[in-house]
Amino acid sequence: MSEQIIVTVSGVDKVGIVAAVSTLLSKYEVNIEDIKQTLMQGHFVMFMLCDIEKSKYSFSEIKEALTNLGSELSMEIWVQKREIVDNMHNI
């Protein structure tokens, strides 16, 4: 069974958001399985479904790196385990 995470990126649109997030995920050996993005009146929103099973980094390390990247980009980045998100919808 794969270990999936959901990455949500939100903030004012600018050049390089997808590239920065994708580059960081590649560095942390995270596979992007699905990606959706939209632009709503200048506000960028992206959802990524990623697999961290083969990464040598822990969920906590990946989450911290993405959160720090969000600060650098002046964007909000949330990282959650897919299992938790799925269970929230079953309550």
PDB file of N, CA and C in Angstrom:
ATOM      1  N   MET A   1       0.845  -1.197   0.000  1.00  0.00           N
ATOM      2  CA  MET A   1       0.000   0.000   0.000  1.00  0.00           C
ATOM      3  C   MET A   1       0.880   1.247   0.000  1.00  0.00           C
ATOM      4  N   SER A   2       0.541   2.203  -0.828  1.00  0.00           N
ATOM      5  CA  SER A   2       1.341   3.413  -0.896  1.00  0.00           C
ATOM      6  C   SER A   2       1.020   4.334   0.274  1.00  0.00           C
ATOM      7  N   GLU A   3       1.954   5.182   0.573  1.00  0.00           N
ATOM      8  CA  GLU A   3       1.771   6.171   1.631  1.00  0.00           C
ATOM      9  C   GLU A   3       1.563   7.514   0.949  1.00  0.00           C
ATOM     10  N   GLN A   4       0.307   7.941   0.861  1.00  0.00           N
ATOM     11  CA  GLN A   4      -0.021   9.138   0.100  1.00  0.00           C
ATOM     12  C   GLN A   4      -0.242  10.345   1.009  1.00  0.00           C
ATOM     13  N   ILE A   5       0.121  11.501   0.460  1.00  0.00           N
ATOM     14  CA  ILE A   5      -0.125  12.772   1.139  1.00  0.00           C
ATOM     15  C   ILE A   5      -0.856  13.693   0.171  1.00  0.00           C
ATOM     16  N   ILE A   6      -1.555  14.662   0.743  1.00  0.00           N
ATOM     17  CA  ILE A   6      -2.211  15.697  -0.043  1.00  0.00           C
ATOM     18  C   ILE A   6      -1.542  17.017   0.296  1.00  0.00           C
ATOM     19  N   VAL A   7      -1.064  17.698  -0.730  1.00  0.00           N
ATOM     20  CA  VAL A   7      -0.397  18.988  -0.578  1.00  0.00           C
ATOM     21  C   VAL A   7      -1.313  20.047  -1.180  1.00  0.00           C
ATOM     22  N   THR A   8      -1.636  21.063  -0.401  1.00  0.00           N
ATOM     23  CA  THR A   8      -2.477  22.163  -0.864  1.00  0.00           C
ATOM     24  C   THR A   8      -1.654  23.443  -0.821  1.00  0.00           C
ATOM     25  N   VAL A   9      -1.639  24.167  -1.931  1.00  0.00           N
ATOM     26  CA  VAL A   9      -0.887  25.423  -2.034  1.00  0.00           C
ATOM     27  C   VAL A   9      -1.879  26.525  -2.384  1.00  0.00           C
ATOM     28  N   SER A  10      -1.807  27.641  -1.671  1.00  0.00           N
ATOM     29  CA  SER A  10      -2.756  28.726  -1.893  1.00  0.00           C
ATOM     30  C   SER A  10      -2.087  30.072  -1.662  1.00  0.00           C
ATOM     31  N   GLY A  11      -2.417  31.036  -2.517  1.00  0.00           N
ATOM     32  CA  GLY A  11      -1.885  32.389  -2.342  1.00  0.00           C
ATOM     33  C   GLY A  11      -1.986  33.195  -3.618  1.00  0.00           C
ATOM     34  N   VAL A  12      -1.431  34.386  -3.581  1.00  0.00           N
ATOM     35  CA  VAL A  12      -1.442  35.276  -4.741  1.00  0.00           C
ATOM     36  C   VAL A  12      -0.586  34.654  -5.840  1.00  0.00           C
ATOM     37  N   ASP A  13      -1.115  34.621  -7.051  1.00  0.00           N
ATOM     38  CA  ASP A  13      -0.423  34.003  -8.177  1.00  0.00           C
ATOM     39  C   ASP A  13       0.868  34.737  -8.515  1.00  0.00           C
ATOM     40  N   LYS A  14       1.872  33.969  -8.871  1.00  0.00           N
ATOM     41  CA  LYS A  14       3.157  34.510  -9.326  1.00  0.00           C
ATOM     42  C   LYS A  14       3.881  33.436 -10.128  1.00  0.00           C
ATOM     43  N   VAL A  15       4.859  33.799 -10.855  1.00  0.00           N
ATOM     44  CA  VAL A  15       5.647  32.871 -11.667  1.00  0.00           C
ATOM     45  C   VAL A  15       6.464  31.948 -10.757  1.00  0.00           C
ATOM     46  N   GLY A  16       6.487  30.661 -11.076  1.00  0.00           N
ATOM     47  CA  GLY A  16       7.408  29.729 -10.423  1.00  0.00           C
ATOM     48  C   GLY A  16       6.858  28.903  -9.279  1.00  0.00           C
ATOM     49  N   ILE A  17       5.581  29.031  -8.970  1.00  0.00           N
ATOM     50  CA  ILE A  17       5.027  28.286  -7.833  1.00  0.00           C
ATOM     51  C   ILE A  17       5.110  26.780  -8.084  1.00  0.00           C
ATOM     52  N   VAL A  18       4.577  26.333  -9.209  1.00  0.00           N
ATOM     53  CA  VAL A  18       4.561  24.900  -9.522  1.00  0.00           C
ATOM     54  C   VAL A  18       5.993  24.372  -9.601  1.00  0.00           C
ATOM     55  N   ALA A  19       6.874  25.125 -10.226  1.00  0.00           N
ATOM     56  CA  ALA A  19       8.274  24.707 -10.354  1.00  0.00           C
ATOM     57  C   ALA A  19       8.943  24.559  -8.987  1.00  0.00           C
ATOM     58  N   ALA A  20       8.716  25.507  -8.089  1.00  0.00           N
ATOM     59  CA  ALA A  20       9.349  25.457  -6.767  1.00  0.00           C
ATOM     60  C   ALA A  20       8.854  24.264  -5.956  1.00  0.00           C
ATOM     61  N   VAL A  21       7.549  24.049  -5.962  1.00  0.00           N
ATOM     62  CA  VAL A  21       6.985  22.933  -5.194  1.00  0.00           C
ATOM     63  C   VAL A  21       7.427  21.601  -5.795  1.00  0.00           C
ATOM     64  N   SER A  22       7.368  21.476  -7.108  1.00  0.00           N
ATOM     65  CA  SER A  22       7.773  20.241  -7.779  1.00  0.00           C
ATOM     66  C   SER A  22       9.252  19.932  -7.558  1.00  0.00           C
ATOM     67  N   THR A  23      10.076  20.948  -7.610  1.00  0.00           N
ATOM     68  CA  THR A  23      11.513  20.766  -7.388  1.00  0.00           C
ATOM     69  C   THR A  23      11.789  20.268  -5.977  1.00  0.00           C
ATOM     70  N   LEU A  24      11.113  20.851  -4.990  1.00  0.00           N
ATOM     71  CA  LEU A  24      11.300  20.409  -3.608  1.00  0.00           C
ATOM     72  C   LEU A  24      10.831  18.965  -3.448  1.00  0.00           C
ATOM     73  N   LEU A  25       9.683  18.621  -4.013  1.00  0.00           N
ATOM     74  CA  LEU A  25       9.185  17.248  -3.901  1.00  0.00           C
ATOM     75  C   LEU A  25      10.158  16.267  -4.545  1.00  0.00           C
ATOM     76  N   SER A  26      10.729  16.632  -5.679  1.00  0.00           N
ATOM     77  CA  SER A  26      11.713  15.776  -6.337  1.00  0.00           C
ATOM     78  C   SER A  26      12.939  15.578  -5.442  1.00  0.00           C
ATOM     79  N   LYS A  27      13.408  16.652  -4.836  1.00  0.00           N
ATOM     80  CA  LYS A  27      14.567  16.583  -3.938  1.00  0.00           C
ATOM     81  C   LYS A  27      14.303  15.626  -2.770  1.00  0.00           C
ATOM     82  N   TYR A  28      13.065  15.587  -2.305  1.00  0.00           N
ATOM     83  CA  TYR A  28      12.695  14.724  -1.179  1.00  0.00           C
ATOM     84  C   TYR A  28      12.157  13.362  -1.640  1.00  0.00           C
ATOM     85  N   GLU A  29      12.360  13.045  -2.928  1.00  0.00           N
ATOM     86  CA  GLU A  29      12.012  11.741  -3.496  1.00  0.00           C
ATOM     87  C   GLU A  29      10.521  11.420  -3.361  1.00  0.00           C
ATOM     88  N   VAL A  30       9.696  12.448  -3.571  1.00  0.00           N
ATOM     89  CA  VAL A  30       8.243  12.314  -3.491  1.00  0.00           C
ATOM     90  C   VAL A  30       7.688  12.264  -4.917  1.00  0.00           C
ATOM     91  N   ASN A  31       6.840  11.283  -5.177  1.00  0.00           N
ATOM     92  CA  ASN A  31       6.237  11.134  -6.502  1.00  0.00           C
ATOM     93  C   ASN A  31       4.895  11.852  -6.561  1.00  0.00           C
ATOM     94  N   ILE A  32       4.731  12.729  -7.533  1.00  0.00           N
ATOM     95  CA  ILE A  32       3.459  13.417  -7.745  1.00  0.00           C
ATOM     96  C   ILE A  32       2.580  12.494  -8.588  1.00  0.00           C
ATOM     97  N   GLU A  33       1.441  12.088  -8.030  1.00  0.00           N
ATOM     98  CA  GLU A  33       0.543  11.166  -8.732  1.00  0.00           C
ATOM     99  C   GLU A  33      -0.601  11.893  -9.436  1.00  0.00           C
ATOM    100  N   ASP A  34      -1.009  13.025  -8.896  1.00  0.00           N
ATOM    101  CA  ASP A  34      -2.087  13.803  -9.521  1.00  0.00           C
ATOM    102  C   ASP A  34      -1.924  15.250  -9.089  1.00  0.00           C
ATOM    103  N   ILE A  35      -2.306  16.152  -9.971  1.00  0.00           N
ATOM    104  CA  ILE A  35      -2.185  17.580  -9.665  1.00  0.00           C
ATOM    105  C   ILE A  35      -3.344  18.325 -10.310  1.00  0.00           C
ATOM    106  N   LYS A  36      -3.931  19.210  -9.543  1.00  0.00           N
ATOM    107  CA  LYS A  36      -4.999  20.082 -10.038  1.00  0.00           C
ATOM    108  C   LYS A  36      -4.658  21.495  -9.591  1.00  0.00           C
ATOM    109  N   GLN A  37      -4.852  22.436 -10.475  1.00  0.00           N
ATOM    110  CA  GLN A  37      -4.611  23.827 -10.097  1.00  0.00           C
ATOM    111  C   GLN A  37      -5.623  24.722 -10.786  1.00  0.00           C
ATOM    112  N   THR A  38      -5.841  25.854 -10.163  1.00  0.00           N
ATOM    113  CA  THR A  38      -6.752  26.829 -10.750  1.00  0.00           C
ATOM    114  C   THR A  38      -6.316  28.224 -10.319  1.00  0.00           C
ATOM    115  N   LEU A  39      -6.795  29.196 -11.061  1.00  0.00           N
ATOM    116  CA  LEU A  39      -6.543  30.596 -10.748  1.00  0.00           C
ATOM    117  C   LEU A  39      -7.904  31.270 -10.642  1.00  0.00           C
ATOM    118  N   MET A  40      -8.189  31.822  -9.457  1.00  0.00           N
ATOM    119  CA  MET A  40      -9.471  32.495  -9.227  1.00  0.00           C
ATOM    120  C   MET A  40      -9.210  33.954  -8.899  1.00  0.00           C
ATOM    121  N   GLN A  41      -9.437  34.825  -9.861  1.00  0.00           N
ATOM    122  CA  GLN A  41      -9.262  36.263  -9.688  1.00  0.00           C
ATOM    123  C   GLN A  41      -7.903  36.600  -9.065  1.00  0.00           C
ATOM    124  N   GLY A  42      -6.850  36.020  -9.626  1.00  0.00           N
ATOM    125  CA  GLY A  42      -5.493  36.296  -9.165  1.00  0.00           C
ATOM    126  C   GLY A  42      -5.045  35.470  -7.984  1.00  0.00           C
ATOM    127  N   HIS A  43      -5.910  34.589  -7.477  1.00  0.00           N
ATOM    128  CA  HIS A  43      -5.570  33.735  -6.336  1.00  0.00           C
ATOM    129  C   HIS A  43      -5.287  32.327  -6.846  1.00  0.00           C
ATOM    130  N   PHE A  44      -4.074  31.844  -6.622  1.00  0.00           N
ATOM    131  CA  PHE A  44      -3.621  30.539  -7.097  1.00  0.00           C
ATOM    132  C   PHE A  44      -3.968  29.472  -6.064  1.00  0.00           C
ATOM    133  N   VAL A  45      -4.530  28.355  -6.530  1.00  0.00           N
ATOM    134  CA  VAL A  45      -4.828  27.213  -5.660  1.00  0.00           C
ATOM    135  C   VAL A  45      -4.385  25.944  -6.382  1.00  0.00           C
ATOM    136  N   MET A  46      -3.635  25.091  -5.679  1.00  0.00           N
ATOM    137  CA  MET A  46      -3.162  23.842  -6.269  1.00  0.00           C
ATOM    138  C   MET A  46      -3.308  22.715  -5.250  1.00  0.00           C
ATOM    139  N   PHE A  47      -3.777  21.575  -5.740  1.00  0.00           N
ATOM    140  CA  PHE A  47      -3.882  20.364  -4.928  1.00  0.00           C
ATOM    141  C   PHE A  47      -3.012  19.303  -5.587  1.00  0.00           C
ATOM    142  N   MET A  48      -2.220  18.622  -4.787  1.00  0.00           N
ATOM    143  CA  MET A  48      -1.364  17.560  -5.310  1.00  0.00           C
ATOM    144  C   MET A  48      -1.566  16.301  -4.478  1.00  0.00           C
ATOM    145  N   LEU A  49      -1.712  15.175  -5.148  1.00  0.00           N
ATOM    146  CA  LEU A  49      -1.727  13.880  -4.488  1.00  0.00           C
ATOM    147  C   LEU A  49      -0.354  13.275  -4.737  1.00  0.00           C
ATOM    148  N   CYS A  50       0.353  12.974  -3.663  1.00  0.00           N
ATOM    149  CA  CYS A  50       1.736  12.520  -3.774  1.00  0.00           C
ATOM    150  C   CYS A  50       1.953  11.224  -3.009  1.00  0.00           C
ATOM    151  N   ASP A  51       2.938  10.445  -3.448  1.00  0.00           N
ATOM    152  CA  ASP A  51       3.296   9.196  -2.797  1.00  0.00           C
ATOM    153  C   ASP A  51       4.678   9.374  -2.165  1.00  0.00           C
ATOM    154  N   ILE A  52       4.767   9.137  -0.845  1.00  0.00           N
ATOM    155  CA  ILE A  52       6.046   9.299  -0.138  1.00  0.00           C
ATOM    156  C   ILE A  52       6.631   7.956   0.285  1.00  0.00           C
ATOM    157  N   GLU A  53       6.036   6.859  -0.168  1.00  0.00           N
ATOM    158  CA  GLU A  53       6.457   5.521   0.257  1.00  0.00           C
ATOM    159  C   GLU A  53       7.938   5.248  -0.009  1.00  0.00           C
ATOM    160  N   LYS A  54       8.439   5.682  -1.152  1.00  0.00           N
ATOM    161  CA  LYS A  54       9.826   5.381  -1.533  1.00  0.00           C
ATOM    162  C   LYS A  54      10.816   6.458  -1.097  1.00  0.00           C
ATOM    163  N   SER A  55      10.332   7.493  -0.443  1.00  0.00           N
ATOM    164  CA  SER A  55      11.213   8.563   0.025  1.00  0.00           C
ATOM    165  C   SER A  55      11.978   8.105   1.259  1.00  0.00           C
ATOM    166  N   LYS A  56      13.235   8.499   1.349  1.00  0.00           N
ATOM    167  CA  LYS A  56      14.010   8.181   2.549  1.00  0.00           C
ATOM    168  C   LYS A  56      13.721   9.185   3.673  1.00  0.00           C
ATOM    169  N   TYR A  57      12.903  10.188   3.365  1.00  0.00           N
ATOM    170  CA  TYR A  57      12.550  11.217   4.343  1.00  0.00           C
ATOM    171  C   TYR A  57      11.208  10.876   5.003  1.00  0.00           C
ATOM    172  N   SER A  58      11.059  11.308   6.237  1.00  0.00           N
ATOM    173  CA  SER A  58       9.818  11.058   6.967  1.00  0.00           C
ATOM    174  C   SER A  58       8.742  12.056   6.541  1.00  0.00           C
ATOM    175  N   PHE A  59       7.498  11.709   6.851  1.00  0.00           N
ATOM    176  CA  PHE A  59       6.384  12.628   6.605  1.00  0.00           C
ATOM    177  C   PHE A  59       6.662  13.979   7.259  1.00  0.00           C
ATOM    178  N   SER A  60       7.141  13.961   8.494  1.00  0.00           N
ATOM    179  CA  SER A  60       7.413  15.211   9.233  1.00  0.00           C
ATOM    180  C   SER A  60       8.467  16.063   8.536  1.00  0.00           C
ATOM    181  N   GLU A  61       9.519  15.422   8.026  1.00  0.00           N
ATOM    182  CA  GLU A  61      10.573  16.173   7.327  1.00  0.00           C
ATOM    183  C   GLU A  61      10.042  16.798   6.038  1.00  0.00           C
ATOM    184  N   ILE A  62       9.243  16.039   5.305  1.00  0.00           N
ATOM    185  CA  ILE A  62       8.672  16.547   4.057  1.00  0.00           C
ATOM    186  C   ILE A  62       7.706  17.692   4.349  1.00  0.00           C
ATOM    187  N   LYS A  63       6.866  17.511   5.357  1.00  0.00           N
ATOM    188  CA  LYS A  63       5.900  18.548   5.732  1.00  0.00           C
ATOM    189  C   LYS A  63       6.623  19.831   6.151  1.00  0.00           C
ATOM    190  N   GLU A  64       7.661  19.704   6.949  1.00  0.00           N
ATOM    191  CA  GLU A  64       8.416  20.887   7.393  1.00  0.00           C
ATOM    192  C   GLU A  64       9.066  21.607   6.211  1.00  0.00           C
ATOM    193  N   ALA A  65       9.639  20.850   5.293  1.00  0.00           N
ATOM    194  CA  ALA A  65      10.278  21.459   4.118  1.00  0.00           C
ATOM    195  C   ALA A  65       9.252  22.214   3.273  1.00  0.00           C
ATOM    196  N   LEU A  66       8.079  21.623   3.079  1.00  0.00           N
ATOM    197  CA  LEU A  66       7.031  22.288   2.296  1.00  0.00           C
ATOM    198  C   LEU A  66       6.482  23.514   3.011  1.00  0.00           C
ATOM    199  N   THR A  67       6.317  23.428   4.309  1.00  0.00           N
ATOM    200  CA  THR A  67       5.839  24.577   5.087  1.00  0.00           C
ATOM    201  C   THR A  67       6.842  25.725   5.002  1.00  0.00           C
ATOM    202  N   ASN A  68       8.124  25.400   5.107  1.00  0.00           N
ATOM    203  CA  ASN A  68       9.171  26.432   4.979  1.00  0.00           C
ATOM    204  C   ASN A  68       9.171  27.046   3.587  1.00  0.00           C
ATOM    205  N   LEU A  69       8.969  26.213   2.569  1.00  0.00           N
ATOM    206  CA  LEU A  69       8.899  26.728   1.203  1.00  0.00           C
ATOM    207  C   LEU A  69       7.723  27.683   1.063  1.00  0.00           C
ATOM    208  N   GLY A  70       6.595  27.344   1.673  1.00  0.00           N
ATOM    209  CA  GLY A  70       5.437  28.229   1.646  1.00  0.00           C
ATOM    210  C   GLY A  70       5.773  29.604   2.191  1.00  0.00           C
ATOM    211  N   SER A  71       6.513  29.639   3.289  1.00  0.00           N
ATOM    212  CA  SER A  71       6.929  30.924   3.866  1.00  0.00           C
ATOM    213  C   SER A  71       7.818  31.701   2.904  1.00  0.00           C
ATOM    214  N   GLU A  72       8.756  31.001   2.274  1.00  0.00           N
ATOM    215  CA  GLU A  72       9.657  31.646   1.310  1.00  0.00           C
ATOM    216  C   GLU A  72       8.887  32.227   0.125  1.00  0.00           C
ATOM    217  N   LEU A  73       7.838  31.537  -0.298  1.00  0.00           N
ATOM    218  CA  LEU A  73       7.048  31.972  -1.455  1.00  0.00           C
ATOM    219  C   LEU A  73       5.911  32.919  -1.079  1.00  0.00           C
ATOM    220  N   SER A  74       5.740  33.185   0.220  1.00  0.00           N
ATOM    221  CA  SER A  74       4.596  33.952   0.730  1.00  0.00           C
ATOM    222  C   SER A  74       3.275  33.292   0.324  1.00  0.00           C
ATOM    223  N   MET A  75       3.253  31.961   0.433  1.00  0.00           N
ATOM    224  CA  MET A  75       2.076  31.156   0.102  1.00  0.00           C
ATOM    225  C   MET A  75       1.734  30.301   1.328  1.00  0.00           C
ATOM    226  N   GLU A  76       0.498  29.828   1.371  1.00  0.00           N
ATOM    227  CA  GLU A  76       0.105  28.857   2.397  1.00  0.00           C
ATOM    228  C   GLU A  76       0.270  27.461   1.786  1.00  0.00           C
ATOM    229  N   ILE A  77       1.005  26.600   2.475  1.00  0.00           N
ATOM    230  CA  ILE A  77       1.131  25.210   2.033  1.00  0.00           C
ATOM    231  C   ILE A  77       0.739  24.316   3.198  1.00  0.00           C
ATOM    232  N   TRP A  78      -0.268  23.460   2.942  1.00  0.00           N
ATOM    233  CA  TRP A  78      -0.722  22.497   3.943  1.00  0.00           C
ATOM    234  C   TRP A  78      -0.384  21.102   3.441  1.00  0.00           C
ATOM    235  N   VAL A  79       0.025  20.239   4.364  1.00  0.00           N
ATOM    236  CA  VAL A  79       0.373  18.861   4.019  1.00  0.00           C
ATOM    237  C   VAL A  79      -0.356  17.934   4.987  1.00  0.00           C
ATOM    238  N   GLN A  80      -1.114  17.003   4.429  1.00  0.00           N
ATOM    239  CA  GLN A  80      -1.859  16.058   5.257  1.00  0.00           C
ATOM    240  C   GLN A  80      -1.713  14.653   4.690  1.00  0.00           C
ATOM    241  N   LYS A  81      -1.767  13.671   5.566  1.00  0.00           N
ATOM    242  CA  LYS A  81      -1.788  12.289   5.101  1.00  0.00           C
ATOM    243  C   LYS A  81      -3.153  12.015   4.489  1.00  0.00           C
ATOM    244  N   ARG A  82      -3.169  11.363   3.352  1.00  0.00           N
ATOM    245  CA  ARG A  82      -4.440  11.098   2.666  1.00  0.00           C
ATOM    246  C   ARG A  82      -5.367  10.264   3.552  1.00  0.00           C
ATOM    247  N   GLU A  83      -4.803   9.335   4.264  1.00  0.00           N
ATOM    248  CA  GLU A  83      -5.586   8.470   5.139  1.00  0.00           C
ATOM    249  C   GLU A  83      -6.426   9.291   6.137  1.00  0.00           C
ATOM    250  N   ILE A  84      -5.839  10.340   6.682  1.00  0.00           N
ATOM    251  CA  ILE A  84      -6.553  11.187   7.648  1.00  0.00           C
ATOM    252  C   ILE A  84      -7.669  11.964   6.953  1.00  0.00           C
ATOM    253  N   VAL A  85      -7.367  12.501   5.775  1.00  0.00           N
ATOM    254  CA  VAL A  85      -8.374  13.251   5.018  1.00  0.00           C
ATOM    255  C   VAL A  85      -9.541  12.336   4.663  1.00  0.00           C
ATOM    256  N   ASP A  86      -9.237  11.121   4.196  1.00  0.00           N
ATOM    257  CA  ASP A  86     -10.300  10.171   3.852  1.00  0.00           C
ATOM    258  C   ASP A  86     -11.154   9.837   5.067  1.00  0.00           C
ATOM    259  N   ASN A  87     -10.516   9.643   6.213  1.00  0.00           N
ATOM    260  CA  ASN A  87     -11.258   9.304   7.432  1.00  0.00           C
ATOM    261  C   ASN A  87     -12.125  10.452   7.929  1.00  0.00           C
ATOM    262  N   MET A  88     -11.708  11.687   7.707  1.00  0.00           N
ATOM    263  CA  MET A  88     -12.502  12.842   8.113  1.00  0.00           C
ATOM    264  C   MET A  88     -13.835  12.862   7.375  1.00  0.00           C
ATOM    265  N   HIS A  89     -13.845  12.384   6.152  1.00  0.00           N
ATOM    266  CA  HIS A  89     -15.065  12.371   5.354  1.00  0.00           C
ATOM    267  C   HIS A  89     -16.009  11.230   5.739  1.00  0.00           C
ATOM    268  N   ASN A  90     -15.507  10.297   6.534  1.00  0.00           N
ATOM    269  CA  ASN A  90     -16.333   9.168   6.989  1.00  0.00           C
ATOM    270  C   ASN A  90     -16.979   9.423   8.337  1.00  0.00           C
ATOM    271  N   ILE A  91     -16.677  10.523   8.962  1.00  0.00           N
ATOM    272  CA  ILE A  91     -17.220  10.825  10.295  1.00  0.00           C
ATOM    273  C   ILE A  91     -18.634  11.335  10.185  1.00  0.00           C
TER     274      ILE A  91
END
